[in-house]
Amino acid sequence: MEWENQTILVEFFLKGLSGYPRLELLFFVLIFIMYAVILLGNATLILINILDPHLHTPMYFFLGNLSFLDICYSTTSIPSTLVSFLSERKTISFSGCAVQMFLGLAMGTTECVLLGVMAFDRYVAICNPLRYPIIMSKDAYVSMAAGSWIIGAVNSAVQTVFVVQLPFCRNNIINHFSCEILAVMKLACADISSNEFIMLVATTLFILTPLLLIIVSYMLIIVSIFKISSSEGRSKAFSTCSAHLTVVIIFYGTILFMYMKPKSKETLNSDDLDATDKIISMFYGVMAPMMNPLIYSLRNKDVKEAVKHLVRRKVFNK
């Protein structure tokens, strides 16, 4: 074995926007504001879900899980990214990188599965309203939410373990803001085809399968809505799932844009394009968690009323 080309890495260097100091300061301010909105908005949704008895239903239980998930997902990477913008030391330990990989992948997988479960909940509510209390009993919807978290944790644990066991060469520069699993895999001085195969299987099972469930559910929902005779009934049925559908479009739309947008490295400077890709990836990590509470607050009457009630109660208590 050629040991001179291998070493035991104790830390990684996160390249981020190194070389763009003005951009780092600009994005520090933007990401800090967006992170504050994420924490405030999602914490408010969780609070009203707990305090308002009218929201103790499967749909809002899933929404509370989604809000908590968004807080966890953004917290796995945003604080360390903000620190790196202001610090000259942009390194992360090998163990810290492994933890960041695990948490980021676990939260991402859980969100995909949870969005699929929420689509199924809306399908049952609109297409089988009489059986809804039976199908979506408390035991059922709590198990579905718990299953989403377990699937995310198991998938992430398997992939993270396979990555940390790879031998790494002297190159320890991660061309990203955080320890994104694919960026770390590319640093390995070994064949990563088995890791790529595992990632392909996981993507099919935990990203594409929930997406298929969402598409089928909404196709059946649309058919069922068009069968409603009154326009008021159709409007009410659509309003119950419009917020979730908007969140799904933003979440999966951003993923598709990131991985399917054309890369013309012959016509653009490769460094500039690389920085653009990383910025898009960074905003993907904050855009969906920031938009979710805003969407549910603006497009859902129950949530708006619960927020107003909470504000009025605080004002009168003073």
C-alpha atoms as a PDB file:
ATOM      1  CA  MET A   1       0.000   0.000   0.000  1.00  0.00           C
ATOM      2  CA  GLU A   2       1.231   3.485  -0.850  1.00  0.00           C
ATOM      3  CA  TRP A   3       0.905   5.101   2.543  1.00  0.00           C
ATOM      4  CA  GLU A   4       2.652   8.278   1.414  1.00  0.00           C
ATOM      5  CA  ASN A   5      -0.478   9.308  -0.498  1.00  0.00           C
ATOM      6  CA  GLN A   6      -2.778   8.674   2.454  1.00  0.00           C
ATOM      7  CA  THR A   7      -3.079  10.275   5.856  1.00  0.00           C
ATOM      8  CA  ILE A   8      -5.365  10.202   8.841  1.00  0.00           C
ATOM      9  CA  LEU A   9      -7.410  13.367   8.455  1.00  0.00           C
ATOM     10  CA  VAL A  10      -8.296  15.155  11.665  1.00  0.00           C
ATOM     11  CA  GLU A  11     -10.058  18.110  10.042  1.00  0.00           C
ATOM     12  CA  PHE A  12     -11.466  19.445   6.781  1.00  0.00           C
ATOM     13  CA  PHE A  13     -11.182  22.911   5.265  1.00  0.00           C
ATOM     14  CA  LEU A  14     -14.549  24.336   4.143  1.00  0.00           C
ATOM     15  CA  LYS A  15     -13.788  26.448   1.088  1.00  0.00           C
ATOM     16  CA  GLY A  16     -17.162  28.219   0.953  1.00  0.00           C
ATOM     17  CA  LEU A  17     -16.707  31.689  -0.524  1.00  0.00           C
ATOM     18  CA  SER A  18     -13.007  31.978   0.302  1.00  0.00           C
ATOM     19  CA  GLY A  19     -11.584  34.640  -1.972  1.00  0.00           C
ATOM     20  CA  TYR A  20     -14.816  36.674  -1.947  1.00  0.00           C
ATOM     21  CA  PRO A  21     -14.599  38.664   1.356  1.00  0.00           C
ATOM     22  CA  ARG A  22     -17.218  41.249   0.333  1.00  0.00           C
ATOM     23  CA  LEU A  23     -19.665  38.526  -0.648  1.00  0.00           C
ATOM     24  CA  GLU A  24     -19.056  36.783   2.678  1.00  0.00           C
ATOM     25  CA  LEU A  25     -20.107  39.892   4.609  1.00  0.00           C
ATOM     26  CA  LEU A  26     -23.172  40.414   2.397  1.00  0.00           C
ATOM     27  CA  PHE A  27     -24.300  36.817   2.724  1.00  0.00           C
ATOM     28  CA  PHE A  28     -23.654  36.836   6.466  1.00  0.00           C
ATOM     29  CA  VAL A  29     -26.258  39.599   6.852  1.00  0.00           C
ATOM     30  CA  LEU A  30     -28.753  37.938   4.468  1.00  0.00           C
ATOM     31  CA  ILE A  31     -28.445  34.439   5.932  1.00  0.00           C
ATOM     32  CA  PHE A  32     -28.556  35.759   9.514  1.00  0.00           C
ATOM     33  CA  ILE A  33     -31.850  37.572   8.811  1.00  0.00           C
ATOM     34  CA  MET A  34     -33.295  34.514   7.068  1.00  0.00           C
ATOM     35  CA  TYR A  35     -32.220  32.244   9.931  1.00  0.00           C
ATOM     36  CA  ALA A  36     -33.922  34.568  12.446  1.00  0.00           C
ATOM     37  CA  VAL A  37     -37.123  34.380  10.352  1.00  0.00           C
ATOM     38  CA  ILE A  38     -36.843  30.564  10.279  1.00  0.00           C
ATOM     39  CA  LEU A  39     -36.560  30.342  14.071  1.00  0.00           C
ATOM     40  CA  LEU A  40     -39.296  32.884  14.783  1.00  0.00           C
ATOM     41  CA  GLY A  41     -41.776  31.619  12.181  1.00  0.00           C
ATOM     42  CA  ASN A  42     -41.435  27.917  12.876  1.00  0.00           C
ATOM     43  CA  ALA A  43     -41.343  28.390  16.663  1.00  0.00           C
ATOM     44  CA  THR A  44     -44.593  30.387  16.395  1.00  0.00           C
ATOM     45  CA  LEU A  45     -46.252  27.575  14.422  1.00  0.00           C
ATOM     46  CA  ILE A  46     -45.148  24.998  16.999  1.00  0.00           C
ATOM     47  CA  LEU A  47     -46.426  27.217  19.833  1.00  0.00           C
ATOM     48  CA  ILE A  48     -49.895  27.755  18.364  1.00  0.00           C
ATOM     49  CA  ASN A  49     -50.147  24.044  17.542  1.00  0.00           C
ATOM     50  CA  ILE A  50     -49.579  23.269  21.217  1.00  0.00           C
ATOM     51  CA  LEU A  51     -51.752  26.043  22.690  1.00  0.00           C
ATOM     52  CA  ASP A  52     -54.763  26.027  20.353  1.00  0.00           C
ATOM     53  CA  PRO A  53     -57.060  22.979  20.888  1.00  0.00           C
ATOM     54  CA  HIS A  54     -58.651  23.533  17.444  1.00  0.00           C
ATOM     55  CA  LEU A  55     -55.328  22.629  15.833  1.00  0.00           C
ATOM     56  CA  HIS A  56     -54.991  19.270  17.598  1.00  0.00           C
ATOM     57  CA  THR A  57     -55.641  17.348  14.374  1.00  0.00           C
ATOM     58  CA  PRO A  58     -53.437  15.091  12.199  1.00  0.00           C
ATOM     59  CA  MET A  59     -52.739  17.834   9.631  1.00  0.00           C
ATOM     60  CA  TYR A  60     -51.474  20.307  12.231  1.00  0.00           C
ATOM     61  CA  PHE A  61     -49.604  17.596  14.110  1.00  0.00           C
ATOM     62  CA  PHE A  62     -47.669  16.931  10.891  1.00  0.00           C
ATOM     63  CA  LEU A  63     -47.226  20.693  10.428  1.00  0.00           C
ATOM     64  CA  GLY A  64     -45.756  20.951  13.928  1.00  0.00           C
ATOM     65  CA  ASN A  65     -43.322  18.163  13.065  1.00  0.00           C
ATOM     66  CA  LEU A  66     -42.417  19.941   9.819  1.00  0.00           C
ATOM     67  CA  SER A  67     -41.744  23.192  11.687  1.00  0.00           C
ATOM     68  CA  PHE A  68     -39.544  21.447  14.272  1.00  0.00           C
ATOM     69  CA  LEU A  69     -37.779  19.625  11.430  1.00  0.00           C
ATOM     70  CA  ASP A  70     -37.088  22.902   9.611  1.00  0.00           C
ATOM     71  CA  ILE A  71     -35.547  24.389  12.759  1.00  0.00           C
ATOM     72  CA  CYS A  72     -33.317  21.322  13.185  1.00  0.00           C
ATOM     73  CA  TYR A  73     -32.420  21.143   9.489  1.00  0.00           C
ATOM     74  CA  SER A  74     -31.347  24.772   9.248  1.00  0.00           C
ATOM     75  CA  THR A  75     -29.504  24.649  12.586  1.00  0.00           C
ATOM     76  CA  THR A  76     -27.290  21.774  11.405  1.00  0.00           C
ATOM     77  CA  SER A  77     -25.457  24.051   8.978  1.00  0.00           C
ATOM     78  CA  ILE A  78     -26.433  27.746   9.176  1.00  0.00           C
ATOM     79  CA  PRO A  79     -24.731  28.693  12.509  1.00  0.00           C
ATOM     80  CA  SER A  80     -21.413  27.143  11.459  1.00  0.00           C
ATOM     81  CA  THR A  81     -21.700  28.811   8.033  1.00  0.00           C
ATOM     82  CA  LEU A  82     -22.293  32.208   9.650  1.00  0.00           C
ATOM     83  CA  VAL A  83     -19.245  31.735  11.885  1.00  0.00           C
ATOM     84  CA  SER A  84     -17.104  30.768   8.884  1.00  0.00           C
ATOM     85  CA  PHE A  85     -18.127  33.979   7.073  1.00  0.00           C
ATOM     86  CA  LEU A  86     -16.573  36.074   9.852  1.00  0.00           C
ATOM     87  CA  SER A  87     -13.686  33.808  10.822  1.00  0.00           C
ATOM     88  CA  GLU A  88     -10.393  33.243   9.093  1.00  0.00           C
ATOM     89  CA  ARG A  89     -10.372  29.682  10.424  1.00  0.00           C
ATOM     90  CA  LYS A  90     -12.728  27.726   8.161  1.00  0.00           C
ATOM     91  CA  THR A  91     -11.970  24.223   9.363  1.00  0.00           C
ATOM     92  CA  ILE A  92     -14.152  21.512  10.888  1.00  0.00           C
ATOM     93  CA  SER A  93     -12.986  18.372  12.682  1.00  0.00           C
ATOM     94  CA  PHE A  94     -13.469  14.958  11.077  1.00  0.00           C
ATOM     95  CA  SER A  95     -15.933  13.927  13.801  1.00  0.00           C
ATOM     96  CA  GLY A  96     -17.749  17.267  13.548  1.00  0.00           C
ATOM     97  CA  CYS A  97     -18.016  16.794   9.798  1.00  0.00           C
ATOM     98  CA  ALA A  98     -19.471  13.296  10.305  1.00  0.00           C
ATOM     99  CA  VAL A  99     -22.091  14.653  12.732  1.00  0.00           C
ATOM    100  CA  GLN A 100     -23.006  17.449  10.306  1.00  0.00           C
ATOM    101  CA  MET A 101     -23.359  14.954   7.453  1.00  0.00           C
ATOM    102  CA  PHE A 102     -25.565  12.684   9.551  1.00  0.00           C
ATOM    103  CA  LEU A 103     -27.861  15.441  10.805  1.00  0.00           C
ATOM    104  CA  GLY A 104     -28.213  17.180   7.445  1.00  0.00           C
ATOM    105  CA  LEU A 105     -29.020  13.977   5.563  1.00  0.00           C
ATOM    106  CA  ALA A 106     -31.350  12.733   8.316  1.00  0.00           C
ATOM    107  CA  MET A 107     -33.347  15.980   8.332  1.00  0.00           C
ATOM    108  CA  GLY A 108     -33.529  16.100   4.533  1.00  0.00           C
ATOM    109  CA  THR A 109     -34.733  12.505   4.251  1.00  0.00           C
ATOM    110  CA  THR A 110     -37.268  12.972   7.041  1.00  0.00           C
ATOM    111  CA  GLU A 111     -38.717  16.035   5.325  1.00  0.00           C
ATOM    112  CA  CYS A 112     -39.186  14.147   2.043  1.00  0.00           C
ATOM    113  CA  VAL A 113     -41.021  11.290   3.790  1.00  0.00           C
ATOM    114  CA  LEU A 114     -43.052  13.671   5.967  1.00  0.00           C
ATOM    115  CA  LEU A 115     -44.245  15.664   2.932  1.00  0.00           C
ATOM    116  CA  GLY A 116     -45.412  12.387   1.384  1.00  0.00           C
ATOM    117  CA  VAL A 117     -47.283  11.468   4.581  1.00  0.00           C
ATOM    118  CA  MET A 118     -48.919  14.913   4.643  1.00  0.00           C
ATOM    119  CA  ALA A 119     -50.095  14.429   1.049  1.00  0.00           C
ATOM    120  CA  PHE A 120     -51.674  11.102   2.033  1.00  0.00           C
ATOM    121  CA  ASP A 121     -53.405  12.844   4.946  1.00  0.00           C
ATOM    122  CA  ARG A 122     -54.922  15.431   2.578  1.00  0.00           C
ATOM    123  CA  TYR A 123     -55.993  12.649   0.184  1.00  0.00           C
ATOM    124  CA  VAL A 124     -57.884  10.815   2.934  1.00  0.00           C
ATOM    125  CA  ALA A 125     -59.443  14.055   4.243  1.00  0.00           C
ATOM    126  CA  ILE A 126     -60.811  15.074   0.828  1.00  0.00           C
ATOM    127  CA  CYS A 127     -61.462  11.760  -0.924  1.00  0.00           C
ATOM    128  CA  ASN A 128     -62.600   9.679   2.097  1.00  0.00           C
ATOM    129  CA  PRO A 129     -63.894  12.230   4.641  1.00  0.00           C
ATOM    130  CA  LEU A 130     -66.238   9.780   6.396  1.00  0.00           C
ATOM    131  CA  ARG A 131     -63.414   7.303   7.052  1.00  0.00           C
ATOM    132  CA  TYR A 132     -60.876  10.007   7.920  1.00  0.00           C
ATOM    133  CA  PRO A 133     -61.243   9.706  11.740  1.00  0.00           C
ATOM    134  CA  ILE A 134     -60.725   5.931  11.469  1.00  0.00           C
ATOM    135  CA  ILE A 135     -57.825   5.913   9.003  1.00  0.00           C
ATOM    136  CA  MET A 136     -56.042   8.890  10.570  1.00  0.00           C
ATOM    137  CA  SER A 137     -56.529   7.933  14.209  1.00  0.00           C
ATOM    138  CA  LYS A 138     -54.100   9.277  16.798  1.00  0.00           C
ATOM    139  CA  ASP A 139     -52.138   6.018  16.859  1.00  0.00           C
ATOM    140  CA  ALA A 140     -51.927   6.078  13.056  1.00  0.00           C
ATOM    141  CA  TYR A 141     -50.730   9.654  12.555  1.00  0.00           C
ATOM    142  CA  VAL A 142     -48.295   9.553  15.472  1.00  0.00           C
ATOM    143  CA  SER A 143     -46.810   6.336  14.047  1.00  0.00           C
ATOM    144  CA  MET A 144     -46.531   7.931  10.587  1.00  0.00           C
ATOM    145  CA  ALA A 145     -44.666  10.938  11.969  1.00  0.00           C
ATOM    146  CA  ALA A 146     -42.383   8.756  14.105  1.00  0.00           C
ATOM    147  CA  GLY A 147     -41.749   6.512  11.102  1.00  0.00           C
ATOM    148  CA  SER A 148     -40.625   9.521   9.049  1.00  0.00           C
ATOM    149  CA  TRP A 149     -38.028  10.444  11.690  1.00  0.00           C
ATOM    150  CA  ILE A 150     -36.840   6.830  12.026  1.00  0.00           C
ATOM    151  CA  ILE A 151     -36.469   6.398   8.256  1.00  0.00           C
ATOM    152  CA  GLY A 152     -34.456   9.602   8.061  1.00  0.00           C
ATOM    153  CA  ALA A 153     -32.164   8.569  10.923  1.00  0.00           C
ATOM    154  CA  VAL A 154     -31.580   5.034   9.589  1.00  0.00           C
ATOM    155  CA  ASN A 155     -30.899   6.177   6.013  1.00  0.00           C
ATOM    156  CA  SER A 156     -28.491   8.852   7.207  1.00  0.00           C
ATOM    157  CA  ALA A 157     -26.699   6.508   9.634  1.00  0.00           C
ATOM    158  CA  VAL A 158     -26.088   3.907   6.909  1.00  0.00           C
ATOM    159  CA  GLN A 159     -24.752   6.424   4.388  1.00  0.00           C
ATOM    160  CA  THR A 160     -22.641   8.324   6.940  1.00  0.00           C
ATOM    161  CA  VAL A 161     -21.019   5.131   8.259  1.00  0.00           C
ATOM    162  CA  PHE A 162     -20.041   4.069   4.733  1.00  0.00           C
ATOM    163  CA  VAL A 163     -18.530   7.503   4.029  1.00  0.00           C
ATOM    164  CA  VAL A 164     -16.465   7.851   7.247  1.00  0.00           C
ATOM    165  CA  GLN A 165     -14.935   4.409   6.609  1.00  0.00           C
ATOM    166  CA  LEU A 166     -13.459   5.605   3.296  1.00  0.00           C
ATOM    167  CA  PRO A 167      -9.699   6.290   3.179  1.00  0.00           C
ATOM    168  CA  PHE A 168      -8.950   9.974   2.587  1.00  0.00           C
ATOM    169  CA  CYS A 169      -5.878  11.404   0.892  1.00  0.00           C
ATOM    170  CA  ARG A 170      -3.977  14.546   1.748  1.00  0.00           C
ATOM    171  CA  ASN A 171      -6.557  16.766   0.043  1.00  0.00           C
ATOM    172  CA  ASN A 172      -8.898  17.944   2.808  1.00  0.00           C
ATOM    173  CA  ILE A 173     -10.569  20.888   1.033  1.00  0.00           C
ATOM    174  CA  ILE A 174     -14.365  20.538   0.870  1.00  0.00           C
ATOM    175  CA  ASN A 175     -15.611  22.772  -1.929  1.00  0.00           C
ATOM    176  CA  HIS A 176     -18.768  23.703  -0.026  1.00  0.00           C
ATOM    177  CA  PHE A 177     -20.098  25.687   2.953  1.00  0.00           C
ATOM    178  CA  SER A 178     -20.738  22.587   5.045  1.00  0.00           C
ATOM    179  CA  CYS A 179     -19.995  18.858   5.076  1.00  0.00           C
ATOM    180  CA  GLU A 180     -22.307  17.896   2.234  1.00  0.00           C
ATOM    181  CA  ILE A 181     -22.028  14.125   1.843  1.00  0.00           C
ATOM    182  CA  LEU A 182     -21.286  14.069  -1.898  1.00  0.00           C
ATOM    183  CA  ALA A 183     -18.595  16.747  -1.545  1.00  0.00           C
ATOM    184  CA  VAL A 184     -16.904  14.697   1.211  1.00  0.00           C
ATOM    185  CA  MET A 185     -17.105  11.469  -0.807  1.00  0.00           C
ATOM    186  CA  LYS A 186     -15.200  13.098  -3.681  1.00  0.00           C
ATOM    187  CA  LEU A 187     -12.169  13.562  -1.393  1.00  0.00           C
ATOM    188  CA  ALA A 188     -11.769   9.811  -0.834  1.00  0.00           C
ATOM    189  CA  CYS A 189      -8.785   8.116  -2.443  1.00  0.00           C
ATOM    190  CA  ALA A 190     -10.737   4.914  -3.115  1.00  0.00           C
ATOM    191  CA  ASP A 191     -13.487   3.583  -5.325  1.00  0.00           C
ATOM    192  CA  ILE A 192     -16.773   5.200  -4.221  1.00  0.00           C
ATOM    193  CA  SER A 193     -19.032   3.327  -6.660  1.00  0.00           C
ATOM    194  CA  SER A 194     -20.617   1.323  -3.818  1.00  0.00           C
ATOM    195  CA  ASN A 195     -21.353   4.559  -1.924  1.00  0.00           C
ATOM    196  CA  GLU A 196     -22.875   6.062  -5.062  1.00  0.00           C
ATOM    197  CA  PHE A 197     -25.049   2.964  -5.520  1.00  0.00           C
ATOM    198  CA  ILE A 198     -26.289   3.197  -1.913  1.00  0.00           C
ATOM    199  CA  MET A 199     -27.044   6.888  -2.469  1.00  0.00           C
ATOM    200  CA  LEU A 200     -28.940   6.071  -5.678  1.00  0.00           C
ATOM    201  CA  VAL A 201     -31.070   3.450  -3.891  1.00  0.00           C
ATOM    202  CA  ALA A 202     -31.726   5.842  -0.984  1.00  0.00           C
ATOM    203  CA  THR A 203     -32.671   8.657  -3.374  1.00  0.00           C
ATOM    204  CA  THR A 204     -35.127   6.397  -5.170  1.00  0.00           C
ATOM    205  CA  LEU A 205     -36.699   5.116  -1.947  1.00  0.00           C
ATOM    206  CA  PHE A 206     -36.795   8.244   0.181  1.00  0.00           C
ATOM    207  CA  ILE A 207     -37.012  11.133  -2.303  1.00  0.00           C
ATOM    208  CA  LEU A 208     -38.634   9.832  -5.480  1.00  0.00           C
ATOM    209  CA  THR A 209     -41.094   7.432  -3.793  1.00  0.00           C
ATOM    210  CA  PRO A 210     -42.577  10.177  -1.550  1.00  0.00           C
ATOM    211  CA  LEU A 211     -42.720  12.433  -4.619  1.00  0.00           C
ATOM    212  CA  LEU A 212     -44.641   9.715  -6.491  1.00  0.00           C
ATOM    213  CA  LEU A 213     -47.019   9.380  -3.525  1.00  0.00           C
ATOM    214  CA  ILE A 214     -47.551  13.161  -3.553  1.00  0.00           C
ATOM    215  CA  ILE A 215     -48.259  13.214  -7.306  1.00  0.00           C
ATOM    216  CA  VAL A 216     -50.724  10.303  -7.130  1.00  0.00           C
ATOM    217  CA  SER A 217     -52.445  11.762  -4.052  1.00  0.00           C
ATOM    218  CA  TYR A 218     -52.960  15.150  -5.681  1.00  0.00           C
ATOM    219  CA  MET A 219     -54.153  13.628  -8.946  1.00  0.00           C
ATOM    220  CA  LEU A 220     -56.854  11.790  -6.970  1.00  0.00           C
ATOM    221  CA  ILE A 221     -57.585  14.935  -4.939  1.00  0.00           C
ATOM    222  CA  ILE A 222     -58.060  17.024  -8.109  1.00  0.00           C
ATOM    223  CA  VAL A 223     -60.402  14.418  -9.594  1.00  0.00           C
ATOM    224  CA  SER A 224     -62.381  14.350  -6.345  1.00  0.00           C
ATOM    225  CA  ILE A 225     -62.569  18.176  -6.182  1.00  0.00           C
ATOM    226  CA  PHE A 226     -63.949  18.426  -9.708  1.00  0.00           C
ATOM    227  CA  LYS A 227     -66.725  16.027  -8.725  1.00  0.00           C
ATOM    228  CA  ILE A 228     -67.970  18.500  -6.083  1.00  0.00           C
ATOM    229  CA  SER A 229     -70.998  20.297  -7.507  1.00  0.00           C
ATOM    230  CA  SER A 230     -70.801  23.630  -5.642  1.00  0.00           C
ATOM    231  CA  SER A 231     -68.031  26.144  -6.332  1.00  0.00           C
ATOM    232  CA  GLU A 232     -67.884  26.954  -2.606  1.00  0.00           C
ATOM    233  CA  GLY A 233     -67.280  23.281  -1.800  1.00  0.00           C
ATOM    234  CA  ARG A 234     -64.531  23.044  -4.411  1.00  0.00           C
ATOM    235  CA  SER A 235     -62.883  26.206  -3.076  1.00  0.00           C
ATOM    236  CA  LYS A 236     -63.003  24.935   0.511  1.00  0.00           C
ATOM    237  CA  ALA A 237     -61.579  21.526  -0.477  1.00  0.00           C
ATOM    238  CA  PHE A 238     -58.731  23.094  -2.434  1.00  0.00           C
ATOM    239  CA  SER A 239     -57.896  25.563   0.341  1.00  0.00           C
ATOM    240  CA  THR A 240     -57.238  22.682   2.765  1.00  0.00           C
ATOM    241  CA  CYS A 241     -54.331  21.404   0.659  1.00  0.00           C
ATOM    242  CA  SER A 242     -53.091  24.499  -1.222  1.00  0.00           C
ATOM    243  CA  ALA A 243     -50.525  25.416   1.463  1.00  0.00           C
ATOM    244  CA  HIS A 244     -49.019  21.919   1.497  1.00  0.00           C
ATOM    245  CA  LEU A 245     -48.935  21.816  -2.314  1.00  0.00           C
ATOM    246  CA  THR A 246     -47.102  25.165  -2.379  1.00  0.00           C
ATOM    247  CA  VAL A 247     -44.519  23.875   0.132  1.00  0.00           C
ATOM    248  CA  VAL A 248     -43.996  20.714  -1.963  1.00  0.00           C
ATOM    249  CA  ILE A 249     -43.474  22.755  -5.148  1.00  0.00           C
ATOM    250  CA  ILE A 250     -40.876  24.977  -3.440  1.00  0.00           C
ATOM    251  CA  PHE A 251     -39.074  22.022  -1.806  1.00  0.00           C
ATOM    252  CA  TYR A 252     -38.873  19.706  -4.818  1.00  0.00           C
ATOM    253  CA  GLY A 253     -38.652  22.564  -7.306  1.00  0.00           C
ATOM    254  CA  THR A 254     -35.486  23.840  -5.642  1.00  0.00           C
ATOM    255  CA  ILE A 255     -33.983  20.329  -5.646  1.00  0.00           C
ATOM    256  CA  LEU A 256     -34.761  19.861  -9.354  1.00  0.00           C
ATOM    257  CA  PHE A 257     -33.351  23.298 -10.179  1.00  0.00           C
ATOM    258  CA  MET A 258     -30.136  22.564  -8.276  1.00  0.00           C
ATOM    259  CA  TYR A 259     -29.408  19.192  -9.852  1.00  0.00           C
ATOM    260  CA  MET A 260     -30.934  19.577 -13.323  1.00  0.00           C
ATOM    261  CA  LYS A 261     -29.943  23.110 -14.311  1.00  0.00           C
ATOM    262  CA  PRO A 262     -27.499  23.195 -17.255  1.00  0.00           C
ATOM    263  CA  LYS A 263     -23.823  23.821 -16.478  1.00  0.00           C
ATOM    264  CA  SER A 264     -21.991  25.544 -19.300  1.00  0.00           C
ATOM    265  CA  LYS A 265     -18.392  25.541 -18.092  1.00  0.00           C
ATOM    266  CA  GLU A 266     -17.096  26.281 -21.584  1.00  0.00           C
ATOM    267  CA  THR A 267     -18.772  29.672 -21.754  1.00  0.00           C
ATOM    268  CA  LEU A 268     -18.495  30.726 -18.096  1.00  0.00           C
ATOM    269  CA  ASN A 269     -15.512  31.070 -15.809  1.00  0.00           C
ATOM    270  CA  SER A 270     -15.374  27.840 -13.838  1.00  0.00           C
ATOM    271  CA  ASP A 271     -14.652  29.571 -10.500  1.00  0.00           C
ATOM    272  CA  ASP A 272     -17.599  31.943 -10.891  1.00  0.00           C
ATOM    273  CA  LEU A 273     -19.894  29.093 -11.846  1.00  0.00           C
ATOM    274  CA  ASP A 274     -18.662  27.090  -8.906  1.00  0.00           C
ATOM    275  CA  ALA A 275     -19.398  29.964  -6.522  1.00  0.00           C
ATOM    276  CA  THR A 276     -22.881  30.337  -8.077  1.00  0.00           C
ATOM    277  CA  ASP A 277     -23.636  26.648  -7.519  1.00  0.00           C
ATOM    278  CA  LYS A 278     -22.585  26.875  -3.872  1.00  0.00           C
ATOM    279  CA  ILE A 279     -24.688  30.007  -3.274  1.00  0.00           C
ATOM    280  CA  ILE A 280     -27.757  28.306  -4.799  1.00  0.00           C
ATOM    281  CA  SER A 281     -27.131  25.273  -2.602  1.00  0.00           C
ATOM    282  CA  MET A 282     -26.825  27.496   0.482  1.00  0.00           C
ATOM    283  CA  PHE A 283     -30.101  29.290  -0.255  1.00  0.00           C
ATOM    284  CA  TYR A 284     -31.801  25.932  -0.819  1.00  0.00           C
ATOM    285  CA  GLY A 285     -30.970  25.105   2.790  1.00  0.00           C
ATOM    286  CA  VAL A 286     -32.685  28.248   4.090  1.00  0.00           C
ATOM    287  CA  MET A 287     -35.419  29.074   1.564  1.00  0.00           C
ATOM    288  CA  ALA A 288     -37.843  26.194   2.222  1.00  0.00           C
ATOM    289  CA  PRO A 289     -37.584  26.367   6.064  1.00  0.00           C
ATOM    290  CA  MET A 290     -38.147  30.140   5.888  1.00  0.00           C
ATOM    291  CA  MET A 291     -41.084  29.984   3.453  1.00  0.00           C
ATOM    292  CA  ASN A 292     -43.005  27.120   5.109  1.00  0.00           C
ATOM    293  CA  PRO A 293     -44.392  29.063   8.123  1.00  0.00           C
ATOM    294  CA  LEU A 294     -45.122  32.097   5.924  1.00  0.00           C
ATOM    295  CA  ILE A 295     -47.076  29.961   3.454  1.00  0.00           C
ATOM    296  CA  TYR A 296     -49.093  28.196   6.135  1.00  0.00           C
ATOM    297  CA  SER A 297     -49.769  31.506   7.910  1.00  0.00           C
ATOM    298  CA  LEU A 298     -50.940  33.322   4.776  1.00  0.00           C
ATOM    299  CA  ARG A 299     -52.871  30.505   3.085  1.00  0.00           C
ATOM    300  CA  ASN A 300     -54.508  28.770   6.038  1.00  0.00           C
ATOM    301  CA  LYS A 301     -57.469  30.357   7.850  1.00  0.00           C
ATOM    302  CA  ASP A 302     -57.132  28.162  10.951  1.00  0.00           C
ATOM    303  CA  VAL A 303     -53.481  29.140  11.427  1.00  0.00           C
ATOM    304  CA  LYS A 304     -54.242  32.846  10.875  1.00  0.00           C
ATOM    305  CA  GLU A 305     -57.047  32.741  13.430  1.00  0.00           C
ATOM    306  CA  ALA A 306     -54.841  30.882  15.929  1.00  0.00           C
ATOM    307  CA  VAL A 307     -52.088  33.502  15.517  1.00  0.00           C
ATOM    308  CA  LYS A 308     -54.586  36.346  16.022  1.00  0.00           C
ATOM    309  CA  HIS A 309     -55.990  34.610  19.106  1.00  0.00           C
ATOM    310  CA  LEU A 310     -52.488  34.148  20.544  1.00  0.00           C
ATOM    311  CA  VAL A 311     -51.625  37.816  19.939  1.00  0.00           C
ATOM    312  CA  ARG A 312     -54.899  39.027  21.484  1.00  0.00           C
ATOM    313  CA  ARG A 313     -54.366  36.838  24.532  1.00  0.00           C
ATOM    314  CA  LYS A 314     -50.874  38.241  25.071  1.00  0.00           C
ATOM    315  CA  VAL A 315     -52.113  41.829  24.661  1.00  0.00           C
ATOM    316  CA  PHE A 316     -54.990  41.376  27.144  1.00  0.00           C
ATOM    317  CA  ASN A 317     -52.727  39.595  29.644  1.00  0.00           C
ATOM    318  CA  LYS A 318     -50.542  42.681  29.703  1.00  0.00           C
END
